[in-house]
Amino acid sequence: MPSSDVFDGPVLVTMERSGRVESAHRGAVVVLDAYGQELASAGTVDVPIFPRSANKPLQATGMLRTGLAVTGEQLAMVTASHSGEPQHIQRILELLATSGFGEDDLRCPPSLPLGEAAQRELLASGGGERRAAMNCSGKHAGMLCASAAVGWPAEAYLEPASPVQRQIRETLAKLTGHQLTEPAVDGCGAPLWPVPLRGLATAFQRLVHADVGTPERTVADVMRDHPWLIGGTNRDVTRLMSGMHGLLVKDGAEGVLVAAMPAVGAVAVKIADGSQRARTPLLVAGLRRLGLAGRTLDDLAESAVLGGGRPLGAIRSHWSET
């Protein structure tokens, strides 16, 4: 294992129970100021990581450049890692229908909804795994529709040589400022390009600072206009964008989270062990480094650790204290 990678990063988040540290999470975080210069960092932020679904806004920008012709809620679904609630699924089906496709044309794997409540509701109604319920189905629907717009065979929309994937690669390289290597394969089956945390934060800052009407700004605006579609009920990404006007946020699997606020700065986080529970407290610490404050950040700065149904400790980041 390389000695300079994120796995050698410092402990940034702890889980405390009854006054003792029970678990600890290492990782990396970078904070950029309003001009894109590093304000603070911890761990290794220049070694490529897999951003996973945090790449979706950048991929959606590439799809618009390819010829994807959707706006509003449908475009928001292209950027989403939705919880699979009924309204999410309905919007995926509507998005597919704009280009004459159906659920069976998606090449993401069938799945139960990401959200636990949505899972229970679907199973209670007699339903089961389906492609539209998979949290990446919006991205796949966008890639499928963008490929159709340029005459590429629908069944080949995930091929790295396809027009939509080539444009996505070019867009990611431009926005992150990072020379991309060969792609891996994401959990949903789509090509996945690794980029450094610094490049990911830079890309999000470019989205929110882009001119109105550009693909970059269009993606940023539609996500901030429809935060529930990007995540879902009680999702941190939805709570952050709903509670902090102007903030763009996207989560990714394996402990990735990135946010940008126009004229303020950007923060990107990667938790080394892939923990989802540790990423939001660390992101909040980074946003506070930028001078942001408010009830939303206070509510998400830590989560309670329970014993017998009552709080005995918390999951929190101590990075802001260093």
C-alpha atoms as a PDB file:
ATOM      1  CA  MET A   1       0.000   0.000   0.000  1.00  0.00           C
ATOM      2  CA  PRO A   2       1.492   3.417  -0.939  1.00  0.00           C
ATOM      3  CA  SER A   3       2.760   5.358   2.084  1.00  0.00           C
ATOM      4  CA  SER A   4       1.367   8.652   0.778  1.00  0.00           C
ATOM      5  CA  ASP A   5      -2.272   7.681   0.331  1.00  0.00           C
ATOM      6  CA  VAL A   6      -5.396   8.567   2.271  1.00  0.00           C
ATOM      7  CA  PHE A   7      -5.141   5.443   4.438  1.00  0.00           C
ATOM      8  CA  ASP A   8      -2.205   6.953   6.309  1.00  0.00           C
ATOM      9  CA  GLY A   9      -4.205  10.081   7.155  1.00  0.00           C
ATOM     10  CA  PRO A  10      -4.779  11.358  10.675  1.00  0.00           C
ATOM     11  CA  VAL A  11      -7.703  10.468  12.910  1.00  0.00           C
ATOM     12  CA  LEU A  12     -10.302  13.094  12.041  1.00  0.00           C
ATOM     13  CA  VAL A  13     -13.541  11.734  13.520  1.00  0.00           C
ATOM     14  CA  THR A  14     -14.183   9.740  16.696  1.00  0.00           C
ATOM     15  CA  MET A  15     -17.077   7.829  18.180  1.00  0.00           C
ATOM     16  CA  GLU A  16     -17.281   8.350  21.926  1.00  0.00           C
ATOM     17  CA  ARG A  17     -19.359   6.280  24.338  1.00  0.00           C
ATOM     18  CA  SER A  18     -19.687   7.010  28.055  1.00  0.00           C
ATOM     19  CA  GLY A  19     -16.659   9.291  28.004  1.00  0.00           C
ATOM     20  CA  ARG A  20     -14.338   6.909  26.136  1.00  0.00           C
ATOM     21  CA  VAL A  21     -13.349   6.736  22.476  1.00  0.00           C
ATOM     22  CA  GLU A  22     -14.797   3.514  21.074  1.00  0.00           C
ATOM     23  CA  SER A  23     -13.911   3.964  17.375  1.00  0.00           C
ATOM     24  CA  ALA A  24     -11.850   6.339  15.257  1.00  0.00           C
ATOM     25  CA  HIS A  25     -11.852   7.250  11.578  1.00  0.00           C
ATOM     26  CA  ARG A  26      -8.844   8.359   9.542  1.00  0.00           C
ATOM     27  CA  GLY A  27      -9.088  10.230   6.288  1.00  0.00           C
ATOM     28  CA  ALA A  28      -8.392  13.417   4.397  1.00  0.00           C
ATOM     29  CA  VAL A  29     -10.060  16.804   3.956  1.00  0.00           C
ATOM     30  CA  VAL A  30      -9.252  19.910   1.955  1.00  0.00           C
ATOM     31  CA  VAL A  31     -10.724  23.404   2.300  1.00  0.00           C
ATOM     32  CA  LEU A  32     -10.362  25.924  -0.536  1.00  0.00           C
ATOM     33  CA  ASP A  33     -11.026  29.625  -0.095  1.00  0.00           C
ATOM     34  CA  ALA A  34     -13.135  31.780  -2.406  1.00  0.00           C
ATOM     35  CA  TYR A  35     -10.204  32.059  -4.850  1.00  0.00           C
ATOM     36  CA  GLY A  36      -9.507  28.329  -5.003  1.00  0.00           C
ATOM     37  CA  GLN A  37      -6.431  28.475  -2.793  1.00  0.00           C
ATOM     38  CA  GLU A  38      -5.921  25.963  -0.010  1.00  0.00           C
ATOM     39  CA  LEU A  39      -7.091  27.371   3.310  1.00  0.00           C
ATOM     40  CA  ALA A  40      -6.630  24.187   5.339  1.00  0.00           C
ATOM     41  CA  SER A  41      -6.164  20.456   4.865  1.00  0.00           C
ATOM     42  CA  ALA A  42      -5.455  17.236   6.695  1.00  0.00           C
ATOM     43  CA  GLY A  43      -4.203  13.988   5.253  1.00  0.00           C
ATOM     44  CA  THR A  44      -3.238  13.438   1.639  1.00  0.00           C
ATOM     45  CA  VAL A  45      -5.385  15.487  -0.748  1.00  0.00           C
ATOM     46  CA  ASP A  46      -3.401  15.197  -3.998  1.00  0.00           C
ATOM     47  CA  VAL A  47      -3.508  11.419  -4.497  1.00  0.00           C
ATOM     48  CA  PRO A  48      -6.434  10.232  -6.676  1.00  0.00           C
ATOM     49  CA  ILE A  49      -9.397   8.621  -4.938  1.00  0.00           C
ATOM     50  CA  PHE A  50     -12.650   7.231  -6.292  1.00  0.00           C
ATOM     51  CA  PRO A  51     -15.232  10.019  -5.761  1.00  0.00           C
ATOM     52  CA  ARG A  52     -17.997   7.537  -6.513  1.00  0.00           C
ATOM     53  CA  SER A  53     -21.363   9.353  -6.751  1.00  0.00           C
ATOM     54  CA  ALA A  54     -19.759  12.690  -5.860  1.00  0.00           C
ATOM     55  CA  ASN A  55     -18.749  12.668  -9.539  1.00  0.00           C
ATOM     56  CA  LYS A  56     -22.393  12.816 -10.674  1.00  0.00           C
ATOM     57  CA  PRO A  57     -22.687  16.620 -11.034  1.00  0.00           C
ATOM     58  CA  LEU A  58     -19.533  16.580 -13.170  1.00  0.00           C
ATOM     59  CA  GLN A  59     -20.843  13.663 -15.210  1.00  0.00           C
ATOM     60  CA  ALA A  60     -24.156  15.466 -15.693  1.00  0.00           C
ATOM     61  CA  THR A  61     -22.243  18.504 -16.982  1.00  0.00           C
ATOM     62  CA  GLY A  62     -20.595  16.246 -19.550  1.00  0.00           C
ATOM     63  CA  MET A  63     -23.958  14.815 -20.546  1.00  0.00           C
ATOM     64  CA  LEU A  64     -25.321  18.295 -21.220  1.00  0.00           C
ATOM     65  CA  ARG A  65     -22.293  18.967 -23.399  1.00  0.00           C
ATOM     66  CA  THR A  66     -22.982  15.718 -25.259  1.00  0.00           C
ATOM     67  CA  GLY A  67     -26.550  16.719 -26.088  1.00  0.00           C
ATOM     68  CA  LEU A  68     -28.724  15.726 -23.135  1.00  0.00           C
ATOM     69  CA  ALA A  69     -31.795  17.946 -23.455  1.00  0.00           C
ATOM     70  CA  VAL A  70     -33.538  17.838 -20.081  1.00  0.00           C
ATOM     71  CA  THR A  71     -33.966  20.535 -17.457  1.00  0.00           C
ATOM     72  CA  GLY A  72     -35.448  21.122 -14.026  1.00  0.00           C
ATOM     73  CA  GLU A  73     -36.446  18.094 -11.977  1.00  0.00           C
ATOM     74  CA  GLN A  74     -35.399  15.645 -14.691  1.00  0.00           C
ATOM     75  CA  LEU A  75     -31.882  17.058 -14.795  1.00  0.00           C
ATOM     76  CA  ALA A  76     -31.781  17.010 -10.988  1.00  0.00           C
ATOM     77  CA  MET A  77     -32.457  13.266 -11.108  1.00  0.00           C
ATOM     78  CA  VAL A  78     -29.428  12.803 -13.390  1.00  0.00           C
ATOM     79  CA  THR A  79     -27.217  14.175 -10.598  1.00  0.00           C
ATOM     80  CA  ALA A  80     -28.975  12.332  -7.776  1.00  0.00           C
ATOM     81  CA  SER A  81     -28.156   9.464  -5.460  1.00  0.00           C
ATOM     82  CA  HIS A  82     -31.812   9.271  -4.575  1.00  0.00           C
ATOM     83  CA  SER A  83     -33.347   7.247  -1.769  1.00  0.00           C
ATOM     84  CA  GLY A  84     -35.744   5.400  -4.076  1.00  0.00           C
ATOM     85  CA  GLU A  85     -38.887   6.939  -2.654  1.00  0.00           C
ATOM     86  CA  PRO A  86     -41.970   6.648  -4.883  1.00  0.00           C
ATOM     87  CA  GLN A  87     -41.626  10.172  -6.276  1.00  0.00           C
ATOM     88  CA  HIS A  88     -37.986   9.504  -7.129  1.00  0.00           C
ATOM     89  CA  ILE A  89     -38.899   6.375  -9.062  1.00  0.00           C
ATOM     90  CA  GLN A  90     -41.709   8.156 -10.888  1.00  0.00           C
ATOM     91  CA  ARG A  91     -39.344  10.900 -12.015  1.00  0.00           C
ATOM     92  CA  ILE A  92     -36.835   8.338 -13.288  1.00  0.00           C
ATOM     93  CA  LEU A  93     -39.522   6.738 -15.433  1.00  0.00           C
ATOM     94  CA  GLU A  94     -40.558  10.178 -16.736  1.00  0.00           C
ATOM     95  CA  LEU A  95     -36.936  11.004 -17.566  1.00  0.00           C
ATOM     96  CA  LEU A  96     -36.550   7.772 -19.542  1.00  0.00           C
ATOM     97  CA  ALA A  97     -39.782   8.451 -21.413  1.00  0.00           C
ATOM     98  CA  THR A  98     -38.449  11.759 -22.784  1.00  0.00           C
ATOM     99  CA  SER A  99     -36.303   9.715 -25.176  1.00  0.00           C
ATOM    100  CA  GLY A 100     -38.679   6.810 -25.625  1.00  0.00           C
ATOM    101  CA  PHE A 101     -36.996   4.456 -23.160  1.00  0.00           C
ATOM    102  CA  GLY A 102     -38.331   2.302 -20.355  1.00  0.00           C
ATOM    103  CA  GLU A 103     -36.926   0.874 -17.142  1.00  0.00           C
ATOM    104  CA  ASP A 104     -35.643  -2.281 -18.849  1.00  0.00           C
ATOM    105  CA  ASP A 105     -33.280  -0.150 -20.973  1.00  0.00           C
ATOM    106  CA  LEU A 106     -31.261   0.822 -17.882  1.00  0.00           C
ATOM    107  CA  ARG A 107     -28.039  -1.110 -17.326  1.00  0.00           C
ATOM    108  CA  CYS A 108     -27.679  -0.347 -13.643  1.00  0.00           C
ATOM    109  CA  PRO A 109     -28.414  -3.394 -11.479  1.00  0.00           C
ATOM    110  CA  PRO A 110     -31.850  -3.900  -9.922  1.00  0.00           C
ATOM    111  CA  SER A 111     -31.890  -2.808  -6.292  1.00  0.00           C
ATOM    112  CA  LEU A 112     -34.062  -2.064  -3.329  1.00  0.00           C
ATOM    113  CA  PRO A 113     -34.338   1.634  -2.464  1.00  0.00           C
ATOM    114  CA  LEU A 114     -31.430   3.209  -0.608  1.00  0.00           C
ATOM    115  CA  GLY A 115     -33.758   4.713   2.001  1.00  0.00           C
ATOM    116  CA  GLU A 116     -34.905   2.336   4.737  1.00  0.00           C
ATOM    117  CA  ALA A 117     -38.447   3.743   4.856  1.00  0.00           C
ATOM    118  CA  ALA A 118     -38.737   3.452   1.075  1.00  0.00           C
ATOM    119  CA  GLN A 119     -37.482  -0.147   1.287  1.00  0.00           C
ATOM    120  CA  ARG A 120     -40.123  -1.064   3.841  1.00  0.00           C
ATOM    121  CA  GLU A 121     -42.868   0.617   1.824  1.00  0.00           C
ATOM    122  CA  LEU A 122     -41.873  -1.150  -1.376  1.00  0.00           C
ATOM    123  CA  LEU A 123     -41.624  -4.575   0.265  1.00  0.00           C
ATOM    124  CA  ALA A 124     -44.895  -4.087   2.154  1.00  0.00           C
ATOM    125  CA  SER A 125     -46.653  -3.383  -1.157  1.00  0.00           C
ATOM    126  CA  GLY A 126     -45.345  -6.640  -2.606  1.00  0.00           C
ATOM    127  CA  GLY A 127     -42.615  -5.026  -4.673  1.00  0.00           C
ATOM    128  CA  GLY A 128     -38.954  -5.973  -4.893  1.00  0.00           C
ATOM    129  CA  GLU A 129     -35.692  -4.970  -6.492  1.00  0.00           C
ATOM    130  CA  ARG A 130     -35.990  -2.885  -9.633  1.00  0.00           C
ATOM    131  CA  ARG A 131     -33.620  -0.818 -11.754  1.00  0.00           C
ATOM    132  CA  ALA A 132     -35.441   2.498 -11.260  1.00  0.00           C
ATOM    133  CA  ALA A 133     -35.099   2.136  -7.482  1.00  0.00           C
ATOM    134  CA  MET A 134     -31.306   1.889  -7.699  1.00  0.00           C
ATOM    135  CA  ASN A 135     -29.774   5.131  -6.413  1.00  0.00           C
ATOM    136  CA  CYS A 136     -27.762   5.635  -9.628  1.00  0.00           C
ATOM    137  CA  SER A 137     -30.705   5.109 -11.969  1.00  0.00           C
ATOM    138  CA  GLY A 138     -30.931   8.833 -12.729  1.00  0.00           C
ATOM    139  CA  LYS A 139     -27.330   8.954 -13.881  1.00  0.00           C
ATOM    140  CA  HIS A 140     -27.894   5.917 -16.075  1.00  0.00           C
ATOM    141  CA  ALA A 141     -31.078   7.391 -17.508  1.00  0.00           C
ATOM    142  CA  GLY A 142     -29.179  10.585 -18.342  1.00  0.00           C
ATOM    143  CA  MET A 143     -26.353   8.690 -20.022  1.00  0.00           C
ATOM    144  CA  LEU A 144     -28.868   6.646 -21.991  1.00  0.00           C
ATOM    145  CA  CYS A 145     -30.778   9.716 -23.189  1.00  0.00           C
ATOM    146  CA  ALA A 146     -27.579  11.647 -23.985  1.00  0.00           C
ATOM    147  CA  SER A 147     -26.261   8.720 -26.046  1.00  0.00           C
ATOM    148  CA  ALA A 148     -29.529   8.502 -27.960  1.00  0.00           C
ATOM    149  CA  ALA A 149     -29.296  12.226 -28.717  1.00  0.00           C
ATOM    150  CA  VAL A 150     -26.076  11.634 -30.686  1.00  0.00           C
ATOM    151  CA  GLY A 151     -27.193   8.376 -32.291  1.00  0.00           C
ATOM    152  CA  TRP A 152     -25.096   6.014 -30.172  1.00  0.00           C
ATOM    153  CA  PRO A 153     -26.627   2.531 -29.662  1.00  0.00           C
ATOM    154  CA  ALA A 154     -28.626   2.466 -26.443  1.00  0.00           C
ATOM    155  CA  GLU A 155     -27.134  -0.835 -25.299  1.00  0.00           C
ATOM    156  CA  ALA A 156     -23.590   0.587 -25.473  1.00  0.00           C
ATOM    157  CA  TYR A 157     -24.008   3.771 -23.469  1.00  0.00           C
ATOM    158  CA  LEU A 158     -21.606   2.596 -20.735  1.00  0.00           C
ATOM    159  CA  GLU A 159     -18.740   1.849 -23.114  1.00  0.00           C
ATOM    160  CA  PRO A 160     -15.747   4.147 -22.365  1.00  0.00           C
ATOM    161  CA  ALA A 161     -15.424   4.774 -26.118  1.00  0.00           C
ATOM    162  CA  SER A 162     -19.000   6.060 -26.436  1.00  0.00           C
ATOM    163  CA  PRO A 163     -19.514   9.779 -27.152  1.00  0.00           C
ATOM    164  CA  VAL A 164     -21.130  10.436 -23.781  1.00  0.00           C
ATOM    165  CA  GLN A 165     -18.352   8.735 -21.817  1.00  0.00           C
ATOM    166  CA  ARG A 166     -15.646  10.504 -23.829  1.00  0.00           C
ATOM    167  CA  GLN A 167     -17.300  13.854 -23.147  1.00  0.00           C
ATOM    168  CA  ILE A 168     -17.673  13.027 -19.451  1.00  0.00           C
ATOM    169  CA  ARG A 169     -13.978  12.199 -19.296  1.00  0.00           C
ATOM    170  CA  GLU A 170     -13.038  15.481 -20.982  1.00  0.00           C
ATOM    171  CA  THR A 171     -15.342  17.422 -18.672  1.00  0.00           C
ATOM    172  CA  LEU A 172     -13.946  15.810 -15.518  1.00  0.00           C
ATOM    173  CA  ALA A 173     -10.386  16.523 -16.625  1.00  0.00           C
ATOM    174  CA  LYS A 174     -11.201  20.163 -17.348  1.00  0.00           C
ATOM    175  CA  LEU A 175     -13.136  20.831 -14.151  1.00  0.00           C
ATOM    176  CA  THR A 176     -10.791  18.995 -11.781  1.00  0.00           C
ATOM    177  CA  GLY A 177      -7.576  20.072 -13.499  1.00  0.00           C
ATOM    178  CA  HIS A 178      -6.400  16.463 -13.244  1.00  0.00           C
ATOM    179  CA  GLN A 179      -5.084  14.245 -16.032  1.00  0.00           C
ATOM    180  CA  LEU A 180      -7.268  11.146 -15.954  1.00  0.00           C
ATOM    181  CA  THR A 181      -5.989   7.585 -16.193  1.00  0.00           C
ATOM    182  CA  GLU A 182      -7.971   4.547 -17.317  1.00  0.00           C
ATOM    183  CA  PRO A 183     -11.384   4.263 -15.649  1.00  0.00           C
ATOM    184  CA  ALA A 184     -12.434   1.745 -13.043  1.00  0.00           C
ATOM    185  CA  VAL A 185     -16.020   0.489 -12.815  1.00  0.00           C
ATOM    186  CA  ASP A 186     -18.405   2.054 -10.304  1.00  0.00           C
ATOM    187  CA  GLY A 187     -20.797  -0.004  -8.198  1.00  0.00           C
ATOM    188  CA  CYS A 188     -23.590   0.759 -10.668  1.00  0.00           C
ATOM    189  CA  GLY A 189     -21.505  -0.421 -13.642  1.00  0.00           C
ATOM    190  CA  ALA A 190     -20.618   2.995 -15.090  1.00  0.00           C
ATOM    191  CA  PRO A 191     -17.040   4.107 -15.830  1.00  0.00           C
ATOM    192  CA  LEU A 192     -15.419   5.705 -12.763  1.00  0.00           C
ATOM    193  CA  TRP A 193     -12.422   8.024 -13.017  1.00  0.00           C
ATOM    194  CA  PRO A 194     -10.268   8.675  -9.938  1.00  0.00           C
ATOM    195  CA  VAL A 195      -9.385  12.274  -9.056  1.00  0.00           C
ATOM    196  CA  PRO A 196      -7.675  13.880  -6.035  1.00  0.00           C
ATOM    197  CA  LEU A 197      -9.737  15.526  -3.288  1.00  0.00           C
ATOM    198  CA  ARG A 198      -8.242  18.889  -4.207  1.00  0.00           C
ATOM    199  CA  GLY A 199      -9.411  18.445  -7.800  1.00  0.00           C
ATOM    200  CA  LEU A 200     -12.886  17.416  -6.652  1.00  0.00           C
ATOM    201  CA  ALA A 201     -13.218  20.539  -4.476  1.00  0.00           C
ATOM    202  CA  THR A 202     -11.910  22.676  -7.345  1.00  0.00           C
ATOM    203  CA  ALA A 203     -14.482  21.205  -9.735  1.00  0.00           C
ATOM    204  CA  PHE A 204     -17.397  21.959  -7.416  1.00  0.00           C
ATOM    205  CA  GLN A 205     -16.165  25.487  -6.946  1.00  0.00           C
ATOM    206  CA  ARG A 206     -16.101  25.900 -10.718  1.00  0.00           C
ATOM    207  CA  LEU A 207     -19.695  24.683 -10.932  1.00  0.00           C
ATOM    208  CA  VAL A 208     -21.036  27.317  -8.529  1.00  0.00           C
ATOM    209  CA  HIS A 209     -18.892  30.115 -10.012  1.00  0.00           C
ATOM    210  CA  ALA A 210     -19.750  29.393 -13.650  1.00  0.00           C
ATOM    211  CA  ASP A 211     -21.790  31.867 -15.696  1.00  0.00           C
ATOM    212  CA  VAL A 212     -25.566  31.479 -15.703  1.00  0.00           C
ATOM    213  CA  GLY A 213     -26.689  29.343 -18.630  1.00  0.00           C
ATOM    214  CA  THR A 214     -23.517  27.280 -18.916  1.00  0.00           C
ATOM    215  CA  PRO A 215     -23.785  23.511 -18.380  1.00  0.00           C
ATOM    216  CA  GLU A 216     -21.758  23.843 -15.161  1.00  0.00           C
ATOM    217  CA  ARG A 217     -23.982  26.481 -13.604  1.00  0.00           C
ATOM    218  CA  THR A 218     -27.153  24.804 -14.880  1.00  0.00           C
ATOM    219  CA  VAL A 219     -26.224  21.636 -12.980  1.00  0.00           C
ATOM    220  CA  ALA A 220     -25.333  23.555  -9.820  1.00  0.00           C
ATOM    221  CA  ASP A 221     -28.557  25.558  -9.919  1.00  0.00           C
ATOM    222  CA  VAL A 222     -30.879  22.635 -10.550  1.00  0.00           C
ATOM    223  CA  MET A 223     -29.373  20.666  -7.660  1.00  0.00           C
ATOM    224  CA  ARG A 224     -29.790  23.583  -5.258  1.00  0.00           C
ATOM    225  CA  ASP A 225     -33.332  24.152  -6.509  1.00  0.00           C
ATOM    226  CA  HIS A 226     -34.338  20.521  -5.853  1.00  0.00           C
ATOM    227  CA  PRO A 227     -32.375  19.228  -2.833  1.00  0.00           C
ATOM    228  CA  TRP A 228     -34.943  16.551  -1.961  1.00  0.00           C
ATOM    229  CA  LEU A 229     -34.538  14.948  -5.373  1.00  0.00           C
ATOM    230  CA  ILE A 230     -30.748  14.755  -4.941  1.00  0.00           C
ATOM    231  CA  GLY A 231     -31.048  12.658  -1.786  1.00  0.00           C
ATOM    232  CA  GLY A 232     -34.360  12.235  -0.050  1.00  0.00           C
ATOM    233  CA  THR A 233     -36.088  12.301   3.312  1.00  0.00           C
ATOM    234  CA  ASN A 234     -33.655  12.885   6.213  1.00  0.00           C
ATOM    235  CA  ARG A 235     -30.591  12.615   3.963  1.00  0.00           C
ATOM    236  CA  ASP A 236     -27.667  14.827   5.010  1.00  0.00           C
ATOM    237  CA  VAL A 237     -27.084  16.134   1.481  1.00  0.00           C
ATOM    238  CA  THR A 238     -30.713  17.258   1.292  1.00  0.00           C
ATOM    239  CA  ARG A 239     -30.647  18.830   4.746  1.00  0.00           C
ATOM    240  CA  LEU A 240     -27.475  20.776   3.970  1.00  0.00           C
ATOM    241  CA  MET A 241     -28.733  22.231   0.696  1.00  0.00           C
ATOM    242  CA  SER A 242     -32.207  22.927   2.097  1.00  0.00           C
ATOM    243  CA  GLY A 243     -30.853  24.650   5.190  1.00  0.00           C
ATOM    244  CA  MET A 244     -28.011  26.691   3.684  1.00  0.00           C
ATOM    245  CA  HIS A 245     -28.982  28.864   0.739  1.00  0.00           C
ATOM    246  CA  GLY A 246     -26.489  28.655  -2.114  1.00  0.00           C
ATOM    247  CA  LEU A 247     -24.613  25.590  -0.847  1.00  0.00           C
ATOM    248  CA  LEU A 248     -23.989  22.817  -3.397  1.00  0.00           C
ATOM    249  CA  VAL A 249     -23.424  19.372  -1.847  1.00  0.00           C
ATOM    250  CA  LYS A 250     -23.003  15.849  -3.208  1.00  0.00           C
ATOM    251  CA  ASP A 251     -22.298  12.611  -1.409  1.00  0.00           C
ATOM    252  CA  GLY A 252     -20.488   9.528  -2.657  1.00  0.00           C
ATOM    253  CA  ALA A 253     -20.090   5.977  -1.428  1.00  0.00           C
ATOM    254  CA  GLU A 254     -17.166   4.941   0.772  1.00  0.00           C
ATOM    255  CA  GLY A 255     -17.060   8.115   2.843  1.00  0.00           C
ATOM    256  CA  VAL A 256     -16.894  10.852   0.190  1.00  0.00           C
ATOM    257  CA  LEU A 257     -18.634  14.219   0.548  1.00  0.00           C
ATOM    258  CA  VAL A 258     -18.018  17.558  -1.200  1.00  0.00           C
ATOM    259  CA  ALA A 259     -19.577  21.007  -0.926  1.00  0.00           C
ATOM    260  CA  ALA A 260     -19.091  24.471  -2.430  1.00  0.00           C
ATOM    261  CA  MET A 261     -20.533  27.889  -1.619  1.00  0.00           C
ATOM    262  CA  PRO A 262     -20.159  30.712  -4.166  1.00  0.00           C
ATOM    263  CA  ALA A 263     -17.807  33.509  -3.060  1.00  0.00           C
ATOM    264  CA  VAL A 264     -16.928  31.481   0.060  1.00  0.00           C
ATOM    265  CA  GLY A 265     -15.079  28.283  -0.840  1.00  0.00           C
ATOM    266  CA  ALA A 266     -15.255  24.509  -1.104  1.00  0.00           C
ATOM    267  CA  VAL A 267     -14.631  21.425   1.058  1.00  0.00           C
ATOM    268  CA  ALA A 268     -13.982  17.817   0.012  1.00  0.00           C
ATOM    269  CA  VAL A 269     -13.815  14.852   2.396  1.00  0.00           C
ATOM    270  CA  LYS A 270     -12.756  11.200   2.132  1.00  0.00           C
ATOM    271  CA  ILE A 271     -12.978   8.817   5.093  1.00  0.00           C
ATOM    272  CA  ALA A 272     -10.317   6.121   4.799  1.00  0.00           C
ATOM    273  CA  ASP A 273     -12.420   3.202   6.054  1.00  0.00           C
ATOM    274  CA  GLY A 274     -15.375   4.216   3.866  1.00  0.00           C
ATOM    275  CA  SER A 275     -17.599   5.126   6.801  1.00  0.00           C
ATOM    276  CA  GLN A 276     -20.628   7.184   5.860  1.00  0.00           C
ATOM    277  CA  ARG A 277     -21.243   8.209   9.470  1.00  0.00           C
ATOM    278  CA  ALA A 278     -17.930  10.064   9.731  1.00  0.00           C
ATOM    279  CA  ARG A 279     -18.056  12.187   6.587  1.00  0.00           C
ATOM    280  CA  THR A 280     -20.726  14.738   7.553  1.00  0.00           C
ATOM    281  CA  PRO A 281     -19.144  15.816  10.875  1.00  0.00           C
ATOM    282  CA  LEU A 282     -15.853  16.315   9.027  1.00  0.00           C
ATOM    283  CA  LEU A 283     -17.521  18.288   6.227  1.00  0.00           C
ATOM    284  CA  VAL A 284     -19.197  20.502   8.829  1.00  0.00           C
ATOM    285  CA  ALA A 285     -15.796  21.161  10.418  1.00  0.00           C
ATOM    286  CA  GLY A 286     -14.493  22.196   6.997  1.00  0.00           C
ATOM    287  CA  LEU A 287     -17.448  24.485   6.305  1.00  0.00           C
ATOM    288  CA  ARG A 288     -16.899  26.127   9.666  1.00  0.00           C
ATOM    289  CA  ARG A 289     -13.282  26.754   8.652  1.00  0.00           C
ATOM    290  CA  LEU A 290     -14.789  28.837   5.840  1.00  0.00           C
ATOM    291  CA  GLY A 291     -16.711  30.906   8.362  1.00  0.00           C
ATOM    292  CA  LEU A 292     -20.092  29.334   7.679  1.00  0.00           C
ATOM    293  CA  ALA A 293     -22.442  28.865  10.609  1.00  0.00           C
ATOM    294  CA  GLY A 294     -26.058  28.235  11.452  1.00  0.00           C
ATOM    295  CA  ARG A 295     -28.519  25.751  12.845  1.00  0.00           C
ATOM    296  CA  THR A 296     -28.119  23.285   9.988  1.00  0.00           C
ATOM    297  CA  LEU A 297     -24.396  22.915  10.662  1.00  0.00           C
ATOM    298  CA  ASP A 298     -25.029  22.725  14.404  1.00  0.00           C
ATOM    299  CA  ASP A 299     -27.554  19.925  13.885  1.00  0.00           C
ATOM    300  CA  LEU A 300     -25.205  17.915  11.645  1.00  0.00           C
ATOM    301  CA  ALA A 301     -21.923  18.532  13.478  1.00  0.00           C
ATOM    302  CA  GLU A 302     -22.373  15.349  15.474  1.00  0.00           C
ATOM    303  CA  SER A 303     -24.730  12.414  15.827  1.00  0.00           C
ATOM    304  CA  ALA A 304     -25.756  10.763  19.065  1.00  0.00           C
ATOM    305  CA  VAL A 305     -24.397   7.425  20.273  1.00  0.00           C
ATOM    306  CA  LEU A 306     -27.152   5.615  22.151  1.00  0.00           C
ATOM    307  CA  GLY A 307     -27.243   3.130  24.984  1.00  0.00           C
ATOM    308  CA  GLY A 308     -30.566   1.698  26.006  1.00  0.00           C
ATOM    309  CA  GLY A 309     -32.253   4.314  23.861  1.00  0.00           C
ATOM    310  CA  ARG A 310     -30.609   7.311  25.538  1.00  0.00           C
ATOM    311  CA  PRO A 311     -27.602   9.377  24.382  1.00  0.00           C
ATOM    312  CA  LEU A 312     -24.283   8.390  25.939  1.00  0.00           C
ATOM    313  CA  GLY A 313     -21.856  10.032  23.537  1.00  0.00           C
ATOM    314  CA  ALA A 314     -21.445  11.267  19.993  1.00  0.00           C
ATOM    315  CA  ILE A 315     -19.757  10.841  16.631  1.00  0.00           C
ATOM    316  CA  ARG A 316     -17.887  14.101  16.053  1.00  0.00           C
ATOM    317  CA  SER A 317     -14.875  15.640  14.362  1.00  0.00           C
ATOM    318  CA  HIS A 318     -12.107  17.246  16.400  1.00  0.00           C
ATOM    319  CA  TRP A 319     -10.285  18.589  13.359  1.00  0.00           C
ATOM    320  CA  SER A 320     -11.575  22.147  13.851  1.00  0.00           C
ATOM    321  CA  GLU A 321      -9.871  22.221  17.241  1.00  0.00           C
ATOM    322  CA  THR A 322      -6.369  21.647  15.837  1.00  0.00           C
END
